[in-house]
């Protein structure tokens, strides 16, 4: 929801909450997708070369 043009903070918050409530629930994360702490870590990045 675009609330850029609403200056009042509380009004903006109220609208955002209402739109979140109306939105359909998000799908569950797929079984094979690792979350942040479970992701494989890169030991040391090589300089000047993309590793990810």
Protein backbone atom coordinates (compact mmCIF):
# COMPACT_ATOMS: atom_id res chain seq x y z
CA UNK A 1 0.00 0.00 0.00
CA UNK A 2 1.30 3.43 -0.95
CA UNK A 3 1.06 5.80 2.04
CA UNK A 4 3.62 8.33 0.84
CA UNK A 5 1.19 11.23 0.64
CA UNK A 6 -0.30 10.75 4.15
CA UNK A 7 1.52 13.04 6.56
CA UNK A 8 -0.05 11.91 9.83
CA UNK A 9 1.92 9.00 11.28
CA UNK A 10 -0.94 7.43 13.22
CA UNK A 11 -3.29 7.64 10.25
CA UNK A 12 -0.67 5.99 8.04
CA UNK A 13 -0.14 3.24 10.60
CA UNK A 14 -3.87 2.60 10.82
CA UNK A 15 -4.20 2.28 7.04
CA UNK A 16 -1.20 -0.02 6.76
CA UNK A 17 -2.52 -2.33 9.46
CA UNK A 18 -5.92 -2.48 7.80
CA UNK A 19 -4.40 -3.35 4.43
CA UNK A 20 -2.21 -6.03 6.01
CA UNK A 21 -5.29 -7.57 7.59
CA UNK A 22 -7.13 -7.60 4.24
CA UNK A 23 -4.22 -9.11 2.30
CA UNK A 24 -4.35 -12.86 1.59
CA UNK A 25 -2.03 -14.95 3.79
CA UNK A 26 1.44 -15.52 2.38
CA UNK A 27 2.40 -19.03 1.24
CA UNK A 28 4.62 -21.12 3.48
CA UNK A 29 8.29 -21.24 2.61
CA UNK A 30 9.27 -24.24 0.47
CA UNK A 31 10.84 -27.16 2.31
CA UNK A 32 14.22 -26.94 0.56
CA UNK A 33 14.74 -23.20 1.04
CA UNK A 34 17.17 -22.38 3.82
CA UNK A 35 16.57 -19.37 6.02
CA UNK A 36 19.29 -16.89 6.99
CA UNK A 37 20.99 -18.72 9.85
CA UNK A 38 20.76 -22.10 8.09
CA UNK A 39 22.32 -20.91 4.84
CA UNK A 40 25.74 -22.20 3.86
CA UNK A 41 28.37 -19.69 4.91
CA UNK A 42 31.23 -18.54 2.67
CA UNK A 43 34.50 -18.90 4.59
CA UNK A 44 36.39 -16.00 3.04
CA UNK A 45 35.41 -13.93 0.06
CA UNK A 46 37.98 -13.66 -2.70
CA UNK A 47 38.58 -10.02 -3.52
CA UNK A 48 37.42 -8.82 -6.90
CA UNK A 49 35.46 -11.96 -7.68
CA UNK A 50 31.80 -12.65 -7.05
CA UNK A 51 31.19 -15.68 -4.89
CA UNK A 52 27.41 -15.40 -4.60
